[in-house]
Amino acid sequence: MSKVEDFLSKKDEEEIVEAIRTAEGHTSGEIRVHLEKSCGEKDIFERAMEVFHQLKMDNTKEENGVLIYVAVEDHKFVIYGDRGINDVVPSDFWESTKDAIVNQFKEGKFKQGLVDGILKAGKQLEEHFPWSPDNTNELSNTISKE
C-alpha cells in the first residue's frame, strides 16, 4: 500500500466527509480534500492549482471553492481558494485555517488536522458566503486521491 492509502483510515475519511457536510451546512462555499503521494517536481501551490481545475472546483456559481491539498510523502499541504473568495477576503484569510491543520499535523493527528481545518474554513467562509435555502451542493464531498 502507498502512503496515501495509509494516511487515513476508512473511519477517518468518513469523519472528514462529515466535517465537510457540517461546514458546508453554514456556507455556500464548497470544500474538498485531495490527497496524493507527492507534488513531484512542481511547486506545491502550482500542483494544488492543477488539481483544483482537474476537480472542476473552478466551476462553482459563486467561485467559492476551497481545496485542501495534501502531498503525503512531501509532508506539505496547501489551502487553495477560488477567485470569488480571494476577491473579498483579506490576504491572511487562510492563516488560522492553516494553523489549525499544522497544530494537529505536527502531532501526527492527520484526520483531526483536516477536520479542524475544514470546520475553520467553513466558519470563515460563512462570513462572506452565508448559506441560503437555494444553495445546492455543487461538488462532491468525498476525498479525492491520486
N, C-alpha and C. Protein backbone atom coordinates (compact mmCIF):
# COMPACT_ATOMS: atom_id res chain seq x y z
N MET A 1 0.82 -1.20 0.00
CA MET A 1 0.00 0.00 0.00
C MET A 1 0.86 1.25 0.00
N SER A 2 0.39 2.25 -0.69
CA SER A 2 1.13 3.52 -0.72
C SER A 2 0.83 4.31 0.55
N LYS A 3 1.63 5.31 0.79
CA LYS A 3 1.42 6.16 1.95
C LYS A 3 0.08 6.89 1.88
N VAL A 4 -0.40 7.18 0.68
CA VAL A 4 -1.68 7.86 0.53
C VAL A 4 -2.79 6.97 1.09
N GLU A 5 -2.73 5.67 0.77
CA GLU A 5 -3.75 4.75 1.26
C GLU A 5 -3.65 4.54 2.77
N ASP A 6 -2.46 4.70 3.32
CA ASP A 6 -2.25 4.52 4.76
C ASP A 6 -2.47 5.80 5.56
N PHE A 7 -2.55 6.92 4.90
CA PHE A 7 -2.61 8.23 5.57
C PHE A 7 -3.83 8.34 6.48
N LEU A 8 -4.97 7.86 6.01
CA LEU A 8 -6.21 7.93 6.78
C LEU A 8 -6.91 6.58 6.75
N SER A 9 -7.55 6.23 7.84
CA SER A 9 -8.36 5.01 7.84
C SER A 9 -9.72 5.32 7.19
N LYS A 10 -10.47 4.29 6.91
CA LYS A 10 -11.82 4.47 6.35
C LYS A 10 -12.67 5.30 7.31
N LYS A 11 -12.57 5.01 8.59
CA LYS A 11 -13.32 5.76 9.60
C LYS A 11 -12.88 7.24 9.60
N ASP A 12 -11.57 7.49 9.50
CA ASP A 12 -11.05 8.86 9.42
C ASP A 12 -11.67 9.59 8.24
N GLU A 13 -11.69 8.91 7.09
CA GLU A 13 -12.24 9.53 5.88
C GLU A 13 -13.72 9.85 6.06
N GLU A 14 -14.46 8.96 6.70
CA GLU A 14 -15.88 9.22 6.95
C GLU A 14 -16.07 10.45 7.84
N GLU A 15 -15.22 10.60 8.83
CA GLU A 15 -15.30 11.76 9.73
C GLU A 15 -14.94 13.06 9.00
N ILE A 16 -14.01 12.98 8.08
CA ILE A 16 -13.64 14.16 7.29
C ILE A 16 -14.79 14.55 6.37
N VAL A 17 -15.40 13.58 5.71
CA VAL A 17 -16.54 13.87 4.84
C VAL A 17 -17.68 14.47 5.66
N GLU A 18 -17.90 13.98 6.86
CA GLU A 18 -18.94 14.54 7.73
C GLU A 18 -18.59 15.98 8.12
N ALA A 19 -17.32 16.27 8.36
CA ALA A 19 -16.89 17.64 8.66
C ALA A 19 -17.17 18.56 7.46
N ILE A 20 -16.94 18.06 6.25
CA ILE A 20 -17.23 18.86 5.05
C ILE A 20 -18.73 19.15 5.00
N ARG A 21 -19.56 18.14 5.22
CA ARG A 21 -21.02 18.35 5.22
C ARG A 21 -21.43 19.39 6.27
N THR A 22 -20.85 19.28 7.45
CA THR A 22 -21.15 20.22 8.53
C THR A 22 -20.75 21.64 8.14
N ALA A 23 -19.53 21.79 7.66
CA ALA A 23 -19.03 23.11 7.27
C ALA A 23 -19.88 23.71 6.15
N GLU A 24 -20.21 22.91 5.16
CA GLU A 24 -21.00 23.40 4.03
C GLU A 24 -22.45 23.66 4.41
N GLY A 25 -22.88 23.19 5.57
CA GLY A 25 -24.23 23.45 6.05
C GLY A 25 -24.42 24.89 6.51
N HIS A 26 -23.33 25.65 6.60
CA HIS A 26 -23.39 27.02 7.06
C HIS A 26 -22.90 28.03 6.02
N THR A 27 -22.49 27.54 4.86
CA THR A 27 -21.94 28.42 3.83
C THR A 27 -22.28 27.88 2.44
N SER A 28 -22.31 28.78 1.48
CA SER A 28 -22.47 28.33 0.09
C SER A 28 -21.13 27.88 -0.48
N GLY A 29 -20.05 28.09 0.27
CA GLY A 29 -18.73 27.65 -0.16
C GLY A 29 -18.67 26.13 -0.30
N GLU A 30 -17.78 25.67 -1.17
CA GLU A 30 -17.59 24.24 -1.43
C GLU A 30 -16.18 23.86 -1.01
N ILE A 31 -16.06 22.84 -0.17
CA ILE A 31 -14.77 22.42 0.36
C ILE A 31 -14.47 20.99 -0.09
N ARG A 32 -13.24 20.78 -0.58
CA ARG A 32 -12.79 19.43 -0.95
C ARG A 32 -11.42 19.18 -0.35
N VAL A 33 -11.12 17.90 -0.15
CA VAL A 33 -9.80 17.46 0.30
C VAL A 33 -9.25 16.54 -0.77
N HIS A 34 -7.99 16.75 -1.14
CA HIS A 34 -7.33 15.89 -2.12
C HIS A 34 -6.01 15.43 -1.52
N LEU A 35 -5.77 14.12 -1.59
CA LEU A 35 -4.53 13.53 -1.11
C LEU A 35 -3.77 12.92 -2.27
N GLU A 36 -2.48 13.15 -2.31
CA GLU A 36 -1.65 12.42 -3.25
C GLU A 36 -0.27 12.21 -2.66
N LYS A 37 0.44 11.26 -3.24
CA LYS A 37 1.74 10.85 -2.73
C LYS A 37 2.70 12.03 -2.65
N SER A 38 2.81 12.78 -3.76
CA SER A 38 3.79 13.85 -3.84
C SER A 38 3.36 14.86 -4.91
N CYS A 39 3.83 16.07 -4.75
CA CYS A 39 3.57 17.06 -5.81
C CYS A 39 4.65 16.98 -6.88
N GLY A 40 5.57 16.05 -6.72
CA GLY A 40 6.61 15.81 -7.72
C GLY A 40 7.57 16.98 -7.81
N GLU A 41 7.95 17.28 -9.02
CA GLU A 41 8.91 18.35 -9.27
C GLU A 41 8.25 19.73 -9.22
N LYS A 42 6.94 19.74 -9.18
CA LYS A 42 6.21 21.01 -9.21
C LYS A 42 6.17 21.67 -7.85
N ASP A 43 6.04 22.98 -7.86
CA ASP A 43 5.76 23.74 -6.66
C ASP A 43 4.41 23.27 -6.13
N ILE A 44 4.28 23.11 -4.83
CA ILE A 44 3.05 22.57 -4.26
C ILE A 44 1.84 23.44 -4.58
N PHE A 45 2.01 24.75 -4.59
CA PHE A 45 0.90 25.65 -4.90
C PHE A 45 0.46 25.45 -6.36
N GLU A 46 1.43 25.30 -7.25
CA GLU A 46 1.13 25.06 -8.67
C GLU A 46 0.38 23.73 -8.84
N ARG A 47 0.83 22.70 -8.13
CA ARG A 47 0.16 21.41 -8.22
C ARG A 47 -1.26 21.49 -7.65
N ALA A 48 -1.45 22.19 -6.54
CA ALA A 48 -2.78 22.35 -5.96
C ALA A 48 -3.71 23.06 -6.95
N MET A 49 -3.19 24.04 -7.66
CA MET A 49 -3.99 24.76 -8.65
C MET A 49 -4.41 23.81 -9.78
N GLU A 50 -3.51 22.93 -10.22
CA GLU A 50 -3.85 21.95 -11.25
C GLU A 50 -4.97 21.01 -10.77
N VAL A 51 -4.82 20.51 -9.56
CA VAL A 51 -5.82 19.60 -9.00
C VAL A 51 -7.16 20.34 -8.87
N PHE A 52 -7.13 21.58 -8.42
CA PHE A 52 -8.33 22.40 -8.29
C PHE A 52 -9.10 22.42 -9.61
N HIS A 53 -8.38 22.62 -10.71
CA HIS A 53 -9.02 22.65 -12.03
C HIS A 53 -9.45 21.26 -12.49
N GLN A 54 -8.63 20.24 -12.22
CA GLN A 54 -9.00 18.86 -12.58
C GLN A 54 -10.30 18.43 -11.91
N LEU A 55 -10.48 18.86 -10.68
CA LEU A 55 -11.68 18.50 -9.92
C LEU A 55 -12.86 19.41 -10.27
N LYS A 56 -12.64 20.31 -11.22
CA LYS A 56 -13.67 21.26 -11.68
C LYS A 56 -14.19 22.14 -10.55
N MET A 57 -13.31 22.44 -9.61
CA MET A 57 -13.69 23.29 -8.49
C MET A 57 -13.82 24.75 -8.90
N ASP A 58 -13.32 25.07 -10.08
CA ASP A 58 -13.41 26.43 -10.59
C ASP A 58 -14.74 26.68 -11.31
N ASN A 59 -15.66 25.72 -11.23
CA ASN A 59 -16.95 25.86 -11.91
C ASN A 59 -18.10 26.15 -10.96
N THR A 60 -17.82 26.55 -9.73
CA THR A 60 -18.91 26.84 -8.81
C THR A 60 -19.52 28.21 -9.15
N LYS A 61 -20.80 28.31 -8.88
CA LYS A 61 -21.57 29.52 -9.23
C LYS A 61 -20.95 30.79 -8.64
N GLU A 62 -20.55 30.74 -7.37
CA GLU A 62 -20.01 31.93 -6.71
C GLU A 62 -18.48 31.96 -6.68
N GLU A 63 -17.85 31.03 -7.42
CA GLU A 63 -16.38 30.93 -7.43
C GLU A 63 -15.84 30.88 -6.00
N ASN A 64 -16.46 29.99 -5.19
CA ASN A 64 -16.09 29.93 -3.78
C ASN A 64 -15.71 28.51 -3.34
N GLY A 65 -15.01 27.82 -4.22
CA GLY A 65 -14.48 26.50 -3.89
C GLY A 65 -13.18 26.61 -3.12
N VAL A 66 -12.97 25.68 -2.18
CA VAL A 66 -11.74 25.64 -1.38
C VAL A 66 -11.19 24.22 -1.44
N LEU A 67 -9.94 24.10 -1.80
CA LEU A 67 -9.27 22.81 -1.85
C LEU A 67 -8.21 22.75 -0.76
N ILE A 68 -8.26 21.70 0.04
CA ILE A 68 -7.16 21.40 0.96
C ILE A 68 -6.39 20.26 0.29
N TYR A 69 -5.24 20.60 -0.24
CA TYR A 69 -4.40 19.66 -1.00
C TYR A 69 -3.27 19.19 -0.09
N VAL A 70 -3.11 17.87 0.02
CA VAL A 70 -2.06 17.30 0.87
C VAL A 70 -1.16 16.39 0.04
N ALA A 71 0.15 16.71 0.02
CA ALA A 71 1.16 15.85 -0.59
C ALA A 71 1.77 15.04 0.55
N VAL A 72 1.29 13.81 0.72
CA VAL A 72 1.56 13.00 1.90
C VAL A 72 3.05 12.77 2.14
N GLU A 73 3.77 12.26 1.16
CA GLU A 73 5.19 11.94 1.37
C GLU A 73 6.07 13.18 1.45
N ASP A 74 5.58 14.28 0.88
CA ASP A 74 6.33 15.54 0.94
C ASP A 74 6.13 16.25 2.28
N HIS A 75 5.13 15.81 3.05
CA HIS A 75 4.78 16.44 4.32
C HIS A 75 4.43 17.92 4.12
N LYS A 76 3.61 18.18 3.09
CA LYS A 76 3.21 19.55 2.76
C LYS A 76 1.72 19.58 2.45
N PHE A 77 1.13 20.75 2.65
CA PHE A 77 -0.25 20.95 2.23
C PHE A 77 -0.47 22.41 1.84
N VAL A 78 -1.54 22.64 1.09
CA VAL A 78 -1.91 23.98 0.64
C VAL A 78 -3.42 24.12 0.77
N ILE A 79 -3.86 25.30 1.15
CA ILE A 79 -5.28 25.63 1.10
C ILE A 79 -5.43 26.58 -0.09
N TYR A 80 -6.20 26.14 -1.07
CA TYR A 80 -6.34 26.91 -2.31
C TYR A 80 -7.79 27.33 -2.47
N GLY A 81 -8.03 28.64 -2.52
CA GLY A 81 -9.38 29.17 -2.68
C GLY A 81 -9.57 29.79 -4.04
N ASP A 82 -10.78 29.68 -4.57
CA ASP A 82 -11.11 30.24 -5.88
C ASP A 82 -11.14 31.76 -5.83
N ARG A 83 -11.20 32.36 -7.00
CA ARG A 83 -11.10 33.82 -7.11
C ARG A 83 -12.24 34.56 -6.41
N GLY A 84 -13.43 33.97 -6.36
CA GLY A 84 -14.54 34.63 -5.68
C GLY A 84 -14.24 34.87 -4.21
N ILE A 85 -13.52 33.95 -3.61
CA ILE A 85 -13.12 34.09 -2.21
C ILE A 85 -11.99 35.10 -2.11
N ASN A 86 -10.97 34.91 -2.91
CA ASN A 86 -9.79 35.77 -2.83
C ASN A 86 -10.09 37.23 -3.16
N ASP A 87 -11.16 37.48 -3.91
CA ASP A 87 -11.55 38.85 -4.24
C ASP A 87 -12.15 39.60 -3.06
N VAL A 88 -12.66 38.88 -2.05
CA VAL A 88 -13.39 39.56 -0.97
C VAL A 88 -12.78 39.38 0.42
N VAL A 89 -11.75 38.58 0.55
CA VAL A 89 -11.20 38.32 1.88
C VAL A 89 -9.82 38.95 2.04
N PRO A 90 -9.40 39.21 3.28
CA PRO A 90 -8.05 39.75 3.49
C PRO A 90 -6.98 38.73 3.12
N SER A 91 -5.78 39.21 2.88
CA SER A 91 -4.70 38.35 2.41
C SER A 91 -4.33 37.25 3.41
N ASP A 92 -4.57 37.46 4.69
CA ASP A 92 -4.22 36.46 5.70
C ASP A 92 -5.42 35.58 6.07
N PHE A 93 -6.42 35.56 5.21
CA PHE A 93 -7.68 34.87 5.47
C PHE A 93 -7.49 33.41 5.86
N TRP A 94 -6.56 32.71 5.22
CA TRP A 94 -6.39 31.27 5.46
C TRP A 94 -5.40 30.95 6.57
N GLU A 95 -4.80 31.94 7.19
CA GLU A 95 -3.77 31.68 8.21
C GLU A 95 -4.30 30.87 9.40
N SER A 96 -5.47 31.22 9.92
CA SER A 96 -5.98 30.48 11.08
C SER A 96 -6.38 29.06 10.69
N THR A 97 -6.85 28.88 9.46
CA THR A 97 -7.17 27.53 8.98
C THR A 97 -5.89 26.72 8.85
N LYS A 98 -4.87 27.33 8.27
CA LYS A 98 -3.58 26.67 8.13
C LYS A 98 -3.02 26.29 9.50
N ASP A 99 -3.11 27.21 10.44
CA ASP A 99 -2.59 26.96 11.79
C ASP A 99 -3.33 25.81 12.47
N ALA A 100 -4.64 25.74 12.28
CA ALA A 100 -5.44 24.65 12.88
C ALA A 100 -4.97 23.30 12.35
N ILE A 101 -4.66 23.24 11.06
CA ILE A 101 -4.19 22.00 10.45
C ILE A 101 -2.78 21.66 10.94
N VAL A 102 -1.89 22.64 10.87
CA VAL A 102 -0.49 22.43 11.25
C VAL A 102 -0.37 21.94 12.69
N ASN A 103 -1.14 22.55 13.60
CA ASN A 103 -1.05 22.17 15.02
C ASN A 103 -1.33 20.69 15.22
N GLN A 104 -2.28 20.15 14.50
CA GLN A 104 -2.60 18.73 14.63
C GLN A 104 -1.61 17.85 13.84
N PHE A 105 -1.25 18.29 12.63
CA PHE A 105 -0.31 17.51 11.81
C PHE A 105 1.01 17.31 12.55
N LYS A 106 1.47 18.34 13.27
CA LYS A 106 2.74 18.24 14.00
C LYS A 106 2.71 17.10 15.01
N GLU A 107 1.54 16.78 15.51
CA GLU A 107 1.38 15.71 16.49
C GLU A 107 0.99 14.38 15.84
N GLY A 108 1.00 14.34 14.51
CA GLY A 108 0.64 13.13 13.79
C GLY A 108 -0.85 12.87 13.74
N LYS A 109 -1.65 13.86 14.09
CA LYS A 109 -3.11 13.73 14.10
C LYS A 109 -3.67 14.29 12.79
N PHE A 110 -3.51 13.50 11.72
CA PHE A 110 -3.84 13.99 10.39
C PHE A 110 -5.33 14.15 10.18
N LYS A 111 -6.10 13.17 10.63
CA LYS A 111 -7.55 13.29 10.49
C LYS A 111 -8.05 14.52 11.24
N GLN A 112 -7.60 14.68 12.48
CA GLN A 112 -8.07 15.81 13.28
C GLN A 112 -7.64 17.14 12.68
N GLY A 113 -6.44 17.18 12.12
CA GLY A 113 -5.98 18.40 11.46
C GLY A 113 -6.88 18.79 10.30
N LEU A 114 -7.25 17.80 9.49
CA LEU A 114 -8.13 18.08 8.37
C LEU A 114 -9.53 18.47 8.84
N VAL A 115 -10.05 17.77 9.84
CA VAL A 115 -11.37 18.12 10.38
C VAL A 115 -11.36 19.54 10.93
N ASP A 116 -10.35 19.87 11.74
CA ASP A 116 -10.26 21.22 12.31
C ASP A 116 -10.15 22.27 11.22
N GLY A 117 -9.33 21.99 10.20
CA GLY A 117 -9.16 22.94 9.10
C GLY A 117 -10.44 23.14 8.30
N ILE A 118 -11.15 22.05 8.04
CA ILE A 118 -12.40 22.12 7.29
C ILE A 118 -13.44 22.94 8.05
N LEU A 119 -13.59 22.65 9.34
CA LEU A 119 -14.58 23.38 10.14
C LEU A 119 -14.21 24.86 10.27
N LYS A 120 -12.93 25.14 10.41
CA LYS A 120 -12.46 26.53 10.49
C LYS A 120 -12.71 27.25 9.16
N ALA A 121 -12.40 26.59 8.06
CA ALA A 121 -12.65 27.18 6.74
C ALA A 121 -14.13 27.46 6.55
N GLY A 122 -14.97 26.52 6.96
CA GLY A 122 -16.42 26.71 6.85
C GLY A 122 -16.90 27.92 7.63
N LYS A 123 -16.39 28.08 8.86
CA LYS A 123 -16.75 29.24 9.68
C LYS A 123 -16.32 30.54 9.01
N GLN A 124 -15.10 30.54 8.46
CA GLN A 124 -14.61 31.75 7.82
C GLN A 124 -15.40 32.07 6.55
N LEU A 125 -15.72 31.03 5.79
CA LEU A 125 -16.49 31.24 4.55
C LEU A 125 -17.90 31.76 4.85
N GLU A 126 -18.45 31.32 5.97
CA GLU A 126 -19.80 31.71 6.35
C GLU A 126 -19.96 33.23 6.40
N GLU A 127 -18.93 33.94 6.82
CA GLU A 127 -18.98 35.40 6.90
C GLU A 127 -19.21 36.04 5.54
N HIS A 128 -18.56 35.52 4.52
CA HIS A 128 -18.60 36.12 3.19
C HIS A 128 -19.55 35.42 2.24
N PHE A 129 -19.81 34.15 2.51
CA PHE A 129 -20.67 33.33 1.64
C PHE A 129 -21.65 32.54 2.51
N PRO A 130 -22.62 33.23 3.13
CA PRO A 130 -23.54 32.52 4.01
C PRO A 130 -24.43 31.53 3.25
N TRP A 131 -24.87 30.51 3.96
CA TRP A 131 -25.76 29.52 3.40
C TRP A 131 -27.12 30.15 3.20
N SER A 132 -27.83 29.76 2.16
CA SER A 132 -29.21 30.19 1.94
C SER A 132 -30.00 28.99 1.44
N PRO A 133 -31.34 29.04 1.57
CA PRO A 133 -32.17 27.88 1.20
C PRO A 133 -32.03 27.45 -0.27
N ASP A 134 -31.61 28.35 -1.14
CA ASP A 134 -31.48 27.98 -2.55
C ASP A 134 -30.10 27.42 -2.91
N ASN A 135 -29.23 27.23 -1.90
CA ASN A 135 -27.91 26.64 -2.16
C ASN A 135 -28.04 25.19 -2.58
N THR A 136 -27.18 24.78 -3.50
CA THR A 136 -27.09 23.38 -3.86
C THR A 136 -25.65 22.93 -3.67
N ASN A 137 -25.46 21.67 -3.35
CA ASN A 137 -24.12 21.13 -3.20
C ASN A 137 -23.57 20.91 -4.60
N GLU A 138 -22.65 21.75 -5.02
CA GLU A 138 -22.15 21.72 -6.39
C GLU A 138 -21.01 20.74 -6.60
N LEU A 139 -20.33 20.35 -5.53
CA LEU A 139 -19.17 19.46 -5.66
C LEU A 139 -19.30 18.28 -4.69
N SER A 140 -18.70 17.20 -5.07
CA SER A 140 -18.67 16.01 -4.20
C SER A 140 -17.98 16.33 -2.89
N ASN A 141 -18.43 15.71 -1.83
CA ASN A 141 -17.79 15.89 -0.52
C ASN A 141 -16.73 14.83 -0.24
N THR A 142 -16.61 13.86 -1.15
CA THR A 142 -15.66 12.78 -0.94
C THR A 142 -14.21 13.27 -1.06
N ILE A 143 -13.32 12.52 -0.45
CA ILE A 143 -11.88 12.82 -0.53
C ILE A 143 -11.38 12.25 -1.86
N SER A 144 -10.71 13.08 -2.63
CA SER A 144 -10.14 12.57 -3.88
C SER A 144 -8.69 12.19 -3.61
N LYS A 145 -8.21 11.21 -4.38
CA LYS A 145 -6.84 10.72 -4.19
C LYS A 145 -6.21 10.47 -5.54
N GLU A 146 -4.91 10.62 -5.55
CA GLU A 146 -4.18 10.32 -6.78
C GLU A 146 -2.91 9.60 -6.45
